[in-house]
Amino acid sequence: MTANHITLGDVTITRVREYYGPVEMTPETFFPESSPRTWEEHSSWLEPHFVDPGTRIVNSAIQTWLLRSEGRNILVDTGVGNHKERPYSPVWSRLDTGFLANLAEAGVRPEDVDLVVNTHLHVDHVGWNTYLDGRTWVPTFPNATYLISRADFDFWNPANEHRPLLGRGNQNVFEDSVAPVHEAGLTRLWEGSYTIDSNLRLDLAPGHTPGSSVVTLASGTDRAVFVGDLLHSPVQFVEPDANSCFCEDPAGARATRRKVLGWAADHRALVIPAHLGGQGAAEVAREGSGFAIKGWAPFAPYAGEDAR
């Protein structure tokens, strides 16, 4: 049976959808280091959830993972957001989705959220940190603490004048989705690792961005790891050295991906990336120089695409 939520130990995980559909990139563009043969050999499970068989455009999910742990509501990543000006990321510009209604359907209002984890500060992970109130961006979750790695906060802060690989693709993001929550005194900038509670821990996992992080769940005998953009597609289970085109430190991203996937395989942990459609997450096993999918999570696959 599939559903929108599962329980691991004492933690309930709910999948909250913002968008699912094409992201206007082919596998060759999105994953330039991957082999076309890999996509062909595994087409039986890559299509249609992860790549459209007709257009060969990659499908991606924008979603938030709602965790209920020790009486608190915790959001892992907050998607793209509505009404955001994204001149160099047109796929995500000026969206008008029903994300907050989907969150309410899961039983959580904005004021009920206790913690927000931004695994990193890319455009599609921080958008619902804020919403537009008149002409002002204000925190969407007024009672929450927003956990942001200091490394990513400093890297994406325009005042520090870094030149990211993403170029202008993240333009306006810090100003409209990060600075307002920081100025409201709601952020906690952490370094190294951060213990959320007895079930959940945050650790740096650099490579995709300098401050990318993963959330590890260990409750009872159950294990899971929320890996953000360590993987964008399950093809990266099979080819763990194949980065997306958005990784700031390609060598670091490969090393981190192998380390985290190795831990997951050895501990029978569910791997939960940010953007997988289909059933959203998988258990993996070591196989040759890479990993194989041992089983999919019991989340209900998304049906159909969202209109932009």
C-alpha atoms as a PDB file:
ATOM      1  CA  MET A   1       0.000   0.000   0.000  1.00  0.00           C
ATOM      2  CA  THR A   2       1.276   3.480  -0.835  1.00  0.00           C
ATOM      3  CA  ALA A   3       0.495   6.706   1.010  1.00  0.00           C
ATOM      4  CA  ASN A   4       1.674  10.263   1.543  1.00  0.00           C
ATOM      5  CA  HIS A   5       3.315   9.392   4.837  1.00  0.00           C
ATOM      6  CA  ILE A   6       5.351   6.681   6.500  1.00  0.00           C
ATOM      7  CA  THR A   7       6.570   6.137  10.050  1.00  0.00           C
ATOM      8  CA  LEU A   8      10.159   5.262  10.921  1.00  0.00           C
ATOM      9  CA  GLY A   9      10.685   4.599  14.604  1.00  0.00           C
ATOM     10  CA  ASP A  10       9.127   7.518  16.446  1.00  0.00           C
ATOM     11  CA  VAL A  11       9.176   9.850  13.437  1.00  0.00           C
ATOM     12  CA  THR A  12       6.360  10.331  10.931  1.00  0.00           C
ATOM     13  CA  ILE A  13       7.428  11.507   7.467  1.00  0.00           C
ATOM     14  CA  THR A  14       4.933  13.229   5.185  1.00  0.00           C
ATOM     15  CA  ARG A  15       5.604  14.166   1.579  1.00  0.00           C
ATOM     16  CA  VAL A  16       4.215  17.634   0.733  1.00  0.00           C
ATOM     17  CA  ARG A  17       4.129  18.443  -2.962  1.00  0.00           C
ATOM     18  CA  GLU A  18       4.742  21.819  -4.551  1.00  0.00           C
ATOM     19  CA  TYR A  19       5.436  20.871  -8.175  1.00  0.00           C
ATOM     20  CA  TYR A  20       6.052  17.805 -10.300  1.00  0.00           C
ATOM     21  CA  GLY A  21       6.899  17.777 -13.993  1.00  0.00           C
ATOM     22  CA  PRO A  22       9.537  18.608 -16.604  1.00  0.00           C
ATOM     23  CA  VAL A  23      12.449  20.899 -15.824  1.00  0.00           C
ATOM     24  CA  GLU A  24      13.384  21.642 -19.446  1.00  0.00           C
ATOM     25  CA  MET A  25      16.656  19.687 -19.355  1.00  0.00           C
ATOM     26  CA  THR A  26      17.670  16.420 -20.996  1.00  0.00           C
ATOM     27  CA  PRO A  27      19.745  13.832 -19.117  1.00  0.00           C
ATOM     28  CA  GLU A  28      22.798  14.885 -21.123  1.00  0.00           C
ATOM     29  CA  THR A  29      22.404  18.492 -19.988  1.00  0.00           C
ATOM     30  CA  PHE A  30      21.361  17.838 -16.403  1.00  0.00           C
ATOM     31  CA  PHE A  31      23.896  15.043 -15.799  1.00  0.00           C
ATOM     32  CA  PRO A  32      26.707  15.637 -18.306  1.00  0.00           C
ATOM     33  CA  GLU A  33      28.937  13.033 -16.639  1.00  0.00           C
ATOM     34  CA  SER A  34      26.380  10.226 -16.842  1.00  0.00           C
ATOM     35  CA  SER A  35      26.438   7.588 -19.559  1.00  0.00           C
ATOM     36  CA  PRO A  36      23.618   7.465 -22.131  1.00  0.00           C
ATOM     37  CA  ARG A  37      23.893   3.691 -21.859  1.00  0.00           C
ATOM     38  CA  THR A  38      22.925   3.849 -18.177  1.00  0.00           C
ATOM     39  CA  TRP A  39      19.711   5.701 -19.006  1.00  0.00           C
ATOM     40  CA  GLU A  40      18.925   3.143 -21.708  1.00  0.00           C
ATOM     41  CA  GLU A  41      19.696   0.089 -19.583  1.00  0.00           C
ATOM     42  CA  HIS A  42      17.511   1.299 -16.726  1.00  0.00           C
ATOM     43  CA  SER A  43      14.713   2.867 -18.760  1.00  0.00           C
ATOM     44  CA  SER A  44      12.184   0.372 -17.340  1.00  0.00           C
ATOM     45  CA  TRP A  45      12.232   2.183 -13.997  1.00  0.00           C
ATOM     46  CA  LEU A  46      13.543   5.615 -14.994  1.00  0.00           C
ATOM     47  CA  GLU A  47      10.569   6.161 -17.308  1.00  0.00           C
ATOM     48  CA  PRO A  48       8.179   7.890 -16.969  1.00  0.00           C
ATOM     49  CA  HIS A  49       8.617   9.169 -13.390  1.00  0.00           C
ATOM     50  CA  PHE A  50      12.191  10.440 -13.782  1.00  0.00           C
ATOM     51  CA  VAL A  51      12.486  11.076 -17.508  1.00  0.00           C
ATOM     52  CA  ASP A  52       9.766  11.459 -20.119  1.00  0.00           C
ATOM     53  CA  PRO A  53      10.133   8.690 -22.738  1.00  0.00           C
ATOM     54  CA  GLY A  54       8.763  10.880 -25.522  1.00  0.00           C
ATOM     55  CA  THR A  55      10.553  14.183 -24.993  1.00  0.00           C
ATOM     56  CA  ARG A  56      13.542  12.799 -23.036  1.00  0.00           C
ATOM     57  CA  ILE A  57      13.153  15.715 -20.633  1.00  0.00           C
ATOM     58  CA  VAL A  58      13.972  15.068 -16.994  1.00  0.00           C
ATOM     59  CA  ASN A  59      11.011  15.126 -14.620  1.00  0.00           C
ATOM     60  CA  SER A  60      11.574  16.515 -11.158  1.00  0.00           C
ATOM     61  CA  ALA A  61       9.580  16.947  -7.970  1.00  0.00           C
ATOM     62  CA  ILE A  62       9.692  20.012  -5.795  1.00  0.00           C
ATOM     63  CA  GLN A  63       8.552  18.897  -2.376  1.00  0.00           C
ATOM     64  CA  THR A  64       8.985  19.406   1.327  1.00  0.00           C
ATOM     65  CA  TRP A  65       9.489  16.609   3.807  1.00  0.00           C
ATOM     66  CA  LEU A  66       7.379  17.186   6.913  1.00  0.00           C
ATOM     67  CA  LEU A  67       8.789  15.371   9.933  1.00  0.00           C
ATOM     68  CA  ARG A  68       6.870  14.964  13.168  1.00  0.00           C
ATOM     69  CA  SER A  69       9.366  14.179  15.901  1.00  0.00           C
ATOM     70  CA  GLU A  70       9.199  14.628  19.676  1.00  0.00           C
ATOM     71  CA  GLY A  71       6.077  16.752  19.397  1.00  0.00           C
ATOM     72  CA  ARG A  72       7.481  19.177  16.847  1.00  0.00           C
ATOM     73  CA  ASN A  73       6.722  19.868  13.189  1.00  0.00           C
ATOM     74  CA  ILE A  74       9.907  20.061  11.137  1.00  0.00           C
ATOM     75  CA  LEU A  75      10.152  20.977   7.447  1.00  0.00           C
ATOM     76  CA  VAL A  76      13.108  19.785   5.388  1.00  0.00           C
ATOM     77  CA  ASP A  77      13.483  22.298   2.519  1.00  0.00           C
ATOM     78  CA  THR A  78      10.799  24.731   1.417  1.00  0.00           C
ATOM     79  CA  GLY A  79      10.757  24.546  -2.368  1.00  0.00           C
ATOM     80  CA  VAL A  80      10.450  27.436  -4.812  1.00  0.00           C
ATOM     81  CA  GLY A  81       7.722  29.631  -3.344  1.00  0.00           C
ATOM     82  CA  ASN A  82       5.147  31.824  -5.002  1.00  0.00           C
ATOM     83  CA  HIS A  83       5.560  35.119  -6.850  1.00  0.00           C
ATOM     84  CA  LYS A  84       9.379  35.036  -6.764  1.00  0.00           C
ATOM     85  CA  GLU A  85      11.235  36.918  -9.478  1.00  0.00           C
ATOM     86  CA  ARG A  86      13.744  34.475 -10.985  1.00  0.00           C
ATOM     87  CA  PRO A  87      14.982  36.082 -14.215  1.00  0.00           C
ATOM     88  CA  TYR A  88      17.739  33.505 -14.745  1.00  0.00           C
ATOM     89  CA  SER A  89      15.701  30.499 -13.582  1.00  0.00           C
ATOM     90  CA  PRO A  90      12.532  30.930 -15.641  1.00  0.00           C
ATOM     91  CA  VAL A  91      11.206  27.473 -14.729  1.00  0.00           C
ATOM     92  CA  TRP A  92      10.801  28.732 -11.159  1.00  0.00           C
ATOM     93  CA  SER A  93       9.817  32.342 -11.818  1.00  0.00           C
ATOM     94  CA  ARG A  94       6.488  33.716 -10.572  1.00  0.00           C
ATOM     95  CA  LEU A  95       4.951  30.381  -9.605  1.00  0.00           C
ATOM     96  CA  ASP A  96       1.499  30.268  -8.059  1.00  0.00           C
ATOM     97  CA  THR A  97       1.149  26.836  -6.489  1.00  0.00           C
ATOM     98  CA  GLY A  98      -1.072  25.383  -3.792  1.00  0.00           C
ATOM     99  CA  PHE A  99       1.802  24.389  -1.529  1.00  0.00           C
ATOM    100  CA  LEU A 100       0.369  25.905   1.653  1.00  0.00           C
ATOM    101  CA  ALA A 101      -2.955  24.199   0.976  1.00  0.00           C
ATOM    102  CA  ASN A 102      -1.088  20.914   0.565  1.00  0.00           C
ATOM    103  CA  LEU A 103       0.684  21.531   3.867  1.00  0.00           C
ATOM    104  CA  ALA A 104      -2.670  22.283   5.513  1.00  0.00           C
ATOM    105  CA  GLU A 105      -4.021  19.028   4.084  1.00  0.00           C
ATOM    106  CA  ALA A 106      -1.196  17.320   5.944  1.00  0.00           C
ATOM    107  CA  GLY A 107      -2.535  18.931   9.130  1.00  0.00           C
ATOM    108  CA  VAL A 108      -0.019  21.759   9.534  1.00  0.00           C
ATOM    109  CA  ARG A 109      -0.586  25.502   9.362  1.00  0.00           C
ATOM    110  CA  PRO A 110       2.354  27.905   8.922  1.00  0.00           C
ATOM    111  CA  GLU A 111       2.182  28.894  12.583  1.00  0.00           C
ATOM    112  CA  ASP A 112       2.410  25.228  13.603  1.00  0.00           C
ATOM    113  CA  VAL A 113       5.902  24.763  12.150  1.00  0.00           C
ATOM    114  CA  ASP A 114       8.632  24.592  14.794  1.00  0.00           C
ATOM    115  CA  LEU A 115      11.764  24.085  12.681  1.00  0.00           C
ATOM    116  CA  VAL A 116      12.730  24.661   9.056  1.00  0.00           C
ATOM    117  CA  VAL A 117      15.825  22.926   7.699  1.00  0.00           C
ATOM    118  CA  ASN A 118      17.293  24.377   4.508  1.00  0.00           C
ATOM    119  CA  THR A 119      19.661  21.663   3.290  1.00  0.00           C
ATOM    120  CA  HIS A 120      21.289  24.341   1.140  1.00  0.00           C
ATOM    121  CA  LEU A 121      20.358  27.742  -0.269  1.00  0.00           C
ATOM    122  CA  HIS A 122      19.542  27.070  -3.913  1.00  0.00           C
ATOM    123  CA  VAL A 123      16.473  28.627  -5.497  1.00  0.00           C
ATOM    124  CA  ASP A 124      14.331  25.487  -5.160  1.00  0.00           C
ATOM    125  CA  HIS A 125      15.033  24.814  -1.478  1.00  0.00           C
ATOM    126  CA  VAL A 126      14.286  28.079   0.322  1.00  0.00           C
ATOM    127  CA  GLY A 127      11.378  29.700  -1.542  1.00  0.00           C
ATOM    128  CA  TRP A 128       8.649  29.133   1.007  1.00  0.00           C
ATOM    129  CA  ASN A 129      10.836  30.522   3.763  1.00  0.00           C
ATOM    130  CA  THR A 130       8.967  33.718   2.970  1.00  0.00           C
ATOM    131  CA  TYR A 131       5.798  34.963   1.288  1.00  0.00           C
ATOM    132  CA  LEU A 132       4.849  38.296  -0.218  1.00  0.00           C
ATOM    133  CA  ASP A 133       2.778  40.452   2.121  1.00  0.00           C
ATOM    134  CA  GLY A 134       1.901  43.496   0.054  1.00  0.00           C
ATOM    135  CA  ARG A 135       5.352  44.493  -1.191  1.00  0.00           C
ATOM    136  CA  THR A 136       7.322  42.932   1.644  1.00  0.00           C
ATOM    137  CA  TRP A 137       8.796  39.449   1.977  1.00  0.00           C
ATOM    138  CA  VAL A 138       7.968  38.134   5.432  1.00  0.00           C
ATOM    139  CA  PRO A 139       8.628  34.764   7.148  1.00  0.00           C
ATOM    140  CA  THR A 140       6.043  32.158   6.176  1.00  0.00           C
ATOM    141  CA  PHE A 141       6.581  30.216   9.393  1.00  0.00           C
ATOM    142  CA  PRO A 142       6.636  32.906  12.101  1.00  0.00           C
ATOM    143  CA  ASN A 143       7.148  30.564  15.046  1.00  0.00           C
ATOM    144  CA  ALA A 144       9.895  28.464  13.467  1.00  0.00           C
ATOM    145  CA  THR A 145      13.647  28.436  13.850  1.00  0.00           C
ATOM    146  CA  TYR A 146      15.286  28.274  10.418  1.00  0.00           C
ATOM    147  CA  LEU A 147      18.404  26.058  10.474  1.00  0.00           C
ATOM    148  CA  ILE A 148      20.930  27.178   7.851  1.00  0.00           C
ATOM    149  CA  SER A 149      24.553  26.145   7.576  1.00  0.00           C
ATOM    150  CA  ARG A 150      26.883  29.077   8.093  1.00  0.00           C
ATOM    151  CA  ALA A 151      28.985  27.975   5.129  1.00  0.00           C
ATOM    152  CA  ASP A 152      26.064  28.321   2.711  1.00  0.00           C
ATOM    153  CA  PHE A 153      24.810  31.512   4.354  1.00  0.00           C
ATOM    154  CA  ASP A 154      28.195  33.131   3.838  1.00  0.00           C
ATOM    155  CA  PHE A 155      28.690  31.710   0.331  1.00  0.00           C
ATOM    156  CA  TRP A 156      25.347  32.939  -1.027  1.00  0.00           C
ATOM    157  CA  ASN A 157      25.334  36.278   0.789  1.00  0.00           C
ATOM    158  CA  PRO A 158      25.804  38.833  -2.036  1.00  0.00           C
ATOM    159  CA  ALA A 159      27.827  41.027   0.305  1.00  0.00           C
ATOM    160  CA  ASN A 160      30.638  38.458   0.135  1.00  0.00           C
ATOM    161  CA  GLU A 161      30.823  38.650  -3.672  1.00  0.00           C
ATOM    162  CA  HIS A 162      31.418  34.952  -4.343  1.00  0.00           C
ATOM    163  CA  ARG A 163      31.189  33.791  -7.955  1.00  0.00           C
ATOM    164  CA  PRO A 164      29.175  30.561  -7.898  1.00  0.00           C
ATOM    165  CA  LEU A 165      29.069  28.006 -10.682  1.00  0.00           C
ATOM    166  CA  LEU A 166      25.320  28.620 -10.812  1.00  0.00           C
ATOM    167  CA  GLY A 167      26.072  32.167 -11.916  1.00  0.00           C
ATOM    168  CA  ARG A 168      22.967  34.322 -11.807  1.00  0.00           C
ATOM    169  CA  GLY A 169      20.668  31.318 -11.451  1.00  0.00           C
ATOM    170  CA  ASN A 170      20.258  32.120  -7.759  1.00  0.00           C
ATOM    171  CA  GLN A 171      19.660  35.828  -8.307  1.00  0.00           C
ATOM    172  CA  ASN A 172      17.291  37.445  -5.747  1.00  0.00           C
ATOM    173  CA  VAL A 173      17.136  34.255  -3.676  1.00  0.00           C
ATOM    174  CA  PHE A 174      19.184  35.431  -0.706  1.00  0.00           C
ATOM    175  CA  GLU A 175      17.421  38.804  -0.679  1.00  0.00           C
ATOM    176  CA  ASP A 176      13.829  37.542  -0.785  1.00  0.00           C
ATOM    177  CA  SER A 177      14.046  34.117   0.882  1.00  0.00           C
ATOM    178  CA  VAL A 178      16.975  34.157   3.326  1.00  0.00           C
ATOM    179  CA  ALA A 179      17.673  37.708   4.488  1.00  0.00           C
ATOM    180  CA  PRO A 180      14.085  38.363   5.686  1.00  0.00           C
ATOM    181  CA  VAL A 181      14.084  35.396   8.082  1.00  0.00           C
ATOM    182  CA  HIS A 182      17.578  36.272   9.294  1.00  0.00           C
ATOM    183  CA  GLU A 183      16.625  39.895   9.881  1.00  0.00           C
ATOM    184  CA  ALA A 184      13.553  38.687  11.793  1.00  0.00           C
ATOM    185  CA  GLY A 185      15.877  36.855  14.187  1.00  0.00           C
ATOM    186  CA  LEU A 186      14.561  33.410  13.196  1.00  0.00           C
ATOM    187  CA  THR A 187      17.744  31.800  11.831  1.00  0.00           C
ATOM    188  CA  ARG A 188      20.258  29.612  13.588  1.00  0.00           C
ATOM    189  CA  LEU A 189      23.515  29.401  11.660  1.00  0.00           C
ATOM    190  CA  TRP A 190      25.215  26.134  12.517  1.00  0.00           C
ATOM    191  CA  GLU A 191      28.620  24.655  11.729  1.00  0.00           C
ATOM    192  CA  GLY A 192      29.915  21.091  11.537  1.00  0.00           C
ATOM    193  CA  SER A 193      26.905  19.233  12.871  1.00  0.00           C
ATOM    194  CA  TYR A 194      23.732  20.055  14.758  1.00  0.00           C
ATOM    195  CA  THR A 195      21.569  17.809  16.922  1.00  0.00           C
ATOM    196  CA  ILE A 196      17.882  18.490  16.276  1.00  0.00           C
ATOM    197  CA  ASP A 197      16.555  15.960  18.789  1.00  0.00           C
ATOM    198  CA  SER A 198      17.170  12.358  19.862  1.00  0.00           C
ATOM    199  CA  ASN A 199      15.954  11.119  16.445  1.00  0.00           C
ATOM    200  CA  LEU A 200      17.430  13.654  14.024  1.00  0.00           C
ATOM    201  CA  ARG A 201      20.855  15.132  13.326  1.00  0.00           C
ATOM    202  CA  LEU A 202      22.195  17.599  10.751  1.00  0.00           C
ATOM    203  CA  ASP A 203      25.651  17.170   9.230  1.00  0.00           C
ATOM    204  CA  LEU A 204      27.573  19.074   6.615  1.00  0.00           C
ATOM    205  CA  ALA A 205      27.821  17.229   3.292  1.00  0.00           C
ATOM    206  CA  PRO A 206      29.686  19.709   1.071  1.00  0.00           C
ATOM    207  CA  GLY A 207      30.199  19.500  -2.654  1.00  0.00           C
ATOM    208  CA  HIS A 208      26.923  20.444  -4.268  1.00  0.00           C
ATOM    209  CA  THR A 209      27.319  23.715  -2.394  1.00  0.00           C
ATOM    210  CA  PRO A 210      29.888  24.574   0.294  1.00  0.00           C
ATOM    211  CA  GLY A 211      27.304  24.251   3.057  1.00  0.00           C
ATOM    212  CA  SER A 212      25.099  21.458   1.736  1.00  0.00           C
ATOM    213  CA  SER A 213      23.847  19.244   4.542  1.00  0.00           C
ATOM    214  CA  VAL A 214      22.033  15.991   5.213  1.00  0.00           C
ATOM    215  CA  VAL A 215      19.525  15.092   7.909  1.00  0.00           C
ATOM    216  CA  THR A 216      20.066  11.661   9.445  1.00  0.00           C
ATOM    217  CA  LEU A 217      17.160   9.887  11.128  1.00  0.00           C
ATOM    218  CA  ALA A 218      17.967   7.184  13.648  1.00  0.00           C
ATOM    219  CA  SER A 219      14.991   6.039  15.702  1.00  0.00           C
ATOM    220  CA  GLY A 220      14.715   2.561  17.161  1.00  0.00           C
ATOM    221  CA  THR A 221      16.018   0.200  14.491  1.00  0.00           C
ATOM    222  CA  ASP A 222      15.007   2.475  11.600  1.00  0.00           C
ATOM    223  CA  ARG A 223      17.397   4.665   9.633  1.00  0.00           C
ATOM    224  CA  ALA A 224      16.966   7.254   6.901  1.00  0.00           C
ATOM    225  CA  VAL A 225      18.965  10.097   5.436  1.00  0.00           C
ATOM    226  CA  PHE A 226      17.502  13.184   3.775  1.00  0.00           C
ATOM    227  CA  VAL A 227      20.175  14.077   1.242  1.00  0.00           C
ATOM    228  CA  GLY A 228      18.886  17.260  -0.391  1.00  0.00           C
ATOM    229  CA  ASP A 229      20.573  17.608  -3.782  1.00  0.00           C
ATOM    230  CA  LEU A 230      23.233  14.986  -3.189  1.00  0.00           C
ATOM    231  CA  LEU A 231      21.127  13.208  -5.824  1.00  0.00           C
ATOM    232  CA  HIS A 232      18.711  14.721  -8.331  1.00  0.00           C
ATOM    233  CA  SER A 233      17.885  11.440 -10.060  1.00  0.00           C
ATOM    234  CA  PRO A 234      18.028   7.758  -9.104  1.00  0.00           C
ATOM    235  CA  VAL A 235      20.437   7.274 -12.012  1.00  0.00           C
ATOM    236  CA  GLN A 236      23.018   8.617  -9.545  1.00  0.00           C
ATOM    237  CA  PHE A 237      22.559   5.513  -7.391  1.00  0.00           C
ATOM    238  CA  VAL A 238      23.852   3.504 -10.335  1.00  0.00           C
ATOM    239  CA  GLU A 239      26.463   6.090 -11.332  1.00  0.00           C
ATOM    240  CA  PRO A 240      27.457   7.785  -8.057  1.00  0.00           C
ATOM    241  CA  ASP A 241      30.281   9.701  -9.739  1.00  0.00           C
ATOM    242  CA  ALA A 242      27.866  11.447 -12.131  1.00  0.00           C
ATOM    243  CA  ASN A 243      27.237  14.936 -10.791  1.00  0.00           C
ATOM    244  CA  SER A 244      24.454  17.231 -11.799  1.00  0.00           C
ATOM    245  CA  CYS A 245      25.504  20.346 -13.713  1.00  0.00           C
ATOM    246  CA  PHE A 246      24.847  22.420 -10.573  1.00  0.00           C
ATOM    247  CA  CYS A 247      27.572  21.089  -8.252  1.00  0.00           C
ATOM    248  CA  GLU A 248      29.933  23.834  -7.081  1.00  0.00           C
ATOM    249  CA  ASP A 249      32.726  21.388  -6.176  1.00  0.00           C
ATOM    250  CA  PRO A 250      32.467  18.369  -8.490  1.00  0.00           C
ATOM    251  CA  ALA A 251      35.165  16.291  -6.769  1.00  0.00           C
ATOM    252  CA  GLY A 252      33.732  17.074  -3.347  1.00  0.00           C
ATOM    253  CA  ALA A 253      30.216  16.196  -4.491  1.00  0.00           C
ATOM    254  CA  ARG A 254      31.357  12.795  -5.772  1.00  0.00           C
ATOM    255  CA  ALA A 255      33.192  11.985  -2.550  1.00  0.00           C
ATOM    256  CA  THR A 256      30.274  13.057  -0.370  1.00  0.00           C
ATOM    257  CA  ARG A 257      27.749  11.145  -2.460  1.00  0.00           C
ATOM    258  CA  ARG A 258      29.766   7.930  -2.215  1.00  0.00           C
ATOM    259  CA  LYS A 259      30.270   8.389   1.528  1.00  0.00           C
ATOM    260  CA  VAL A 260      26.581   8.973   2.280  1.00  0.00           C
ATOM    261  CA  LEU A 261      25.326   6.229  -0.041  1.00  0.00           C
ATOM    262  CA  GLY A 262      27.850   3.823   1.426  1.00  0.00           C
ATOM    263  CA  TRP A 263      26.616   4.596   4.929  1.00  0.00           C
ATOM    264  CA  ALA A 264      23.000   4.161   3.787  1.00  0.00           C
ATOM    265  CA  ALA A 265      23.737   0.796   2.172  1.00  0.00           C
ATOM    266  CA  ASP A 266      25.616  -0.458   5.244  1.00  0.00           C
ATOM    267  CA  HIS A 267      22.883   0.666   7.673  1.00  0.00           C
ATOM    268  CA  ARG A 268      19.820  -0.254   5.591  1.00  0.00           C
ATOM    269  CA  ALA A 269      18.847   3.406   5.598  1.00  0.00           C
ATOM    270  CA  LEU A 270      16.181   4.889   3.346  1.00  0.00           C
ATOM    271  CA  VAL A 271      17.735   7.508   1.049  1.00  0.00           C
ATOM    272  CA  ILE A 272      15.389  10.474   0.662  1.00  0.00           C
ATOM    273  CA  PRO A 273      16.521  13.069  -1.922  1.00  0.00           C
ATOM    274  CA  ALA A 274      14.783  16.381  -2.420  1.00  0.00           C
ATOM    275  CA  HIS A 275      13.555  15.977  -5.980  1.00  0.00           C
ATOM    276  CA  LEU A 276      12.622  12.400  -6.814  1.00  0.00           C
ATOM    277  CA  GLY A 277       9.210  11.821  -8.333  1.00  0.00           C
ATOM    278  CA  GLY A 278       7.909   8.278  -8.383  1.00  0.00           C
ATOM    279  CA  GLN A 279       7.928   6.854  -4.872  1.00  0.00           C
ATOM    280  CA  GLY A 280      10.312   9.532  -3.705  1.00  0.00           C
ATOM    281  CA  ALA A 281      12.972   7.499  -1.903  1.00  0.00           C
ATOM    282  CA  ALA A 282      14.764   4.158  -1.968  1.00  0.00           C
ATOM    283  CA  GLU A 283      16.902   1.708  -0.065  1.00  0.00           C
ATOM    284  CA  VAL A 284      20.191   0.916  -1.766  1.00  0.00           C
ATOM    285  CA  ALA A 285      22.736  -1.886  -1.727  1.00  0.00           C
ATOM    286  CA  ARG A 286      26.348  -1.908  -2.827  1.00  0.00           C
ATOM    287  CA  GLU A 287      26.813  -3.332  -6.325  1.00  0.00           C
ATOM    288  CA  GLY A 288      30.128  -3.274  -8.122  1.00  0.00           C
ATOM    289  CA  SER A 289      31.539   0.235  -8.126  1.00  0.00           C
ATOM    290  CA  GLY A 290      28.138   1.768  -7.484  1.00  0.00           C
ATOM    291  CA  PHE A 291      24.836   1.011  -5.847  1.00  0.00           C
ATOM    292  CA  ALA A 292      21.627  -0.739  -6.787  1.00  0.00           C
ATOM    293  CA  ILE A 293      18.081   0.054  -5.745  1.00  0.00           C
ATOM    294  CA  LYS A 294      17.041  -2.542  -3.181  1.00  0.00           C
ATOM    295  CA  GLY A 295      13.477  -1.271  -2.815  1.00  0.00           C
ATOM    296  CA  TRP A 296      11.386   1.849  -3.229  1.00  0.00           C
ATOM    297  CA  ALA A 297       9.731   3.709  -0.364  1.00  0.00           C
ATOM    298  CA  PRO A 298       5.971   3.144   0.026  1.00  0.00           C
ATOM    299  CA  PHE A 299       5.026   6.727  -0.887  1.00  0.00           C
ATOM    300  CA  ALA A 300       2.321   7.150  -3.503  1.00  0.00           C
ATOM    301  CA  PRO A 301       3.799   8.134  -6.904  1.00  0.00           C
ATOM    302  CA  TYR A 302       2.773  11.532  -8.173  1.00  0.00           C
ATOM    303  CA  ALA A 303       0.162  11.435 -10.922  1.00  0.00           C
ATOM    304  CA  GLY A 304       0.312  13.994 -13.717  1.00  0.00           C
ATOM    305  CA  GLU A 305       2.159  17.285 -13.996  1.00  0.00           C
ATOM    306  CA  ASP A 306       1.498  20.654 -12.401  1.00  0.00           C
ATOM    307  CA  ALA A 307       0.666  23.650 -14.551  1.00  0.00           C
ATOM    308  CA  ARG A 308       3.024  26.584 -14.143  1.00  0.00           C
END
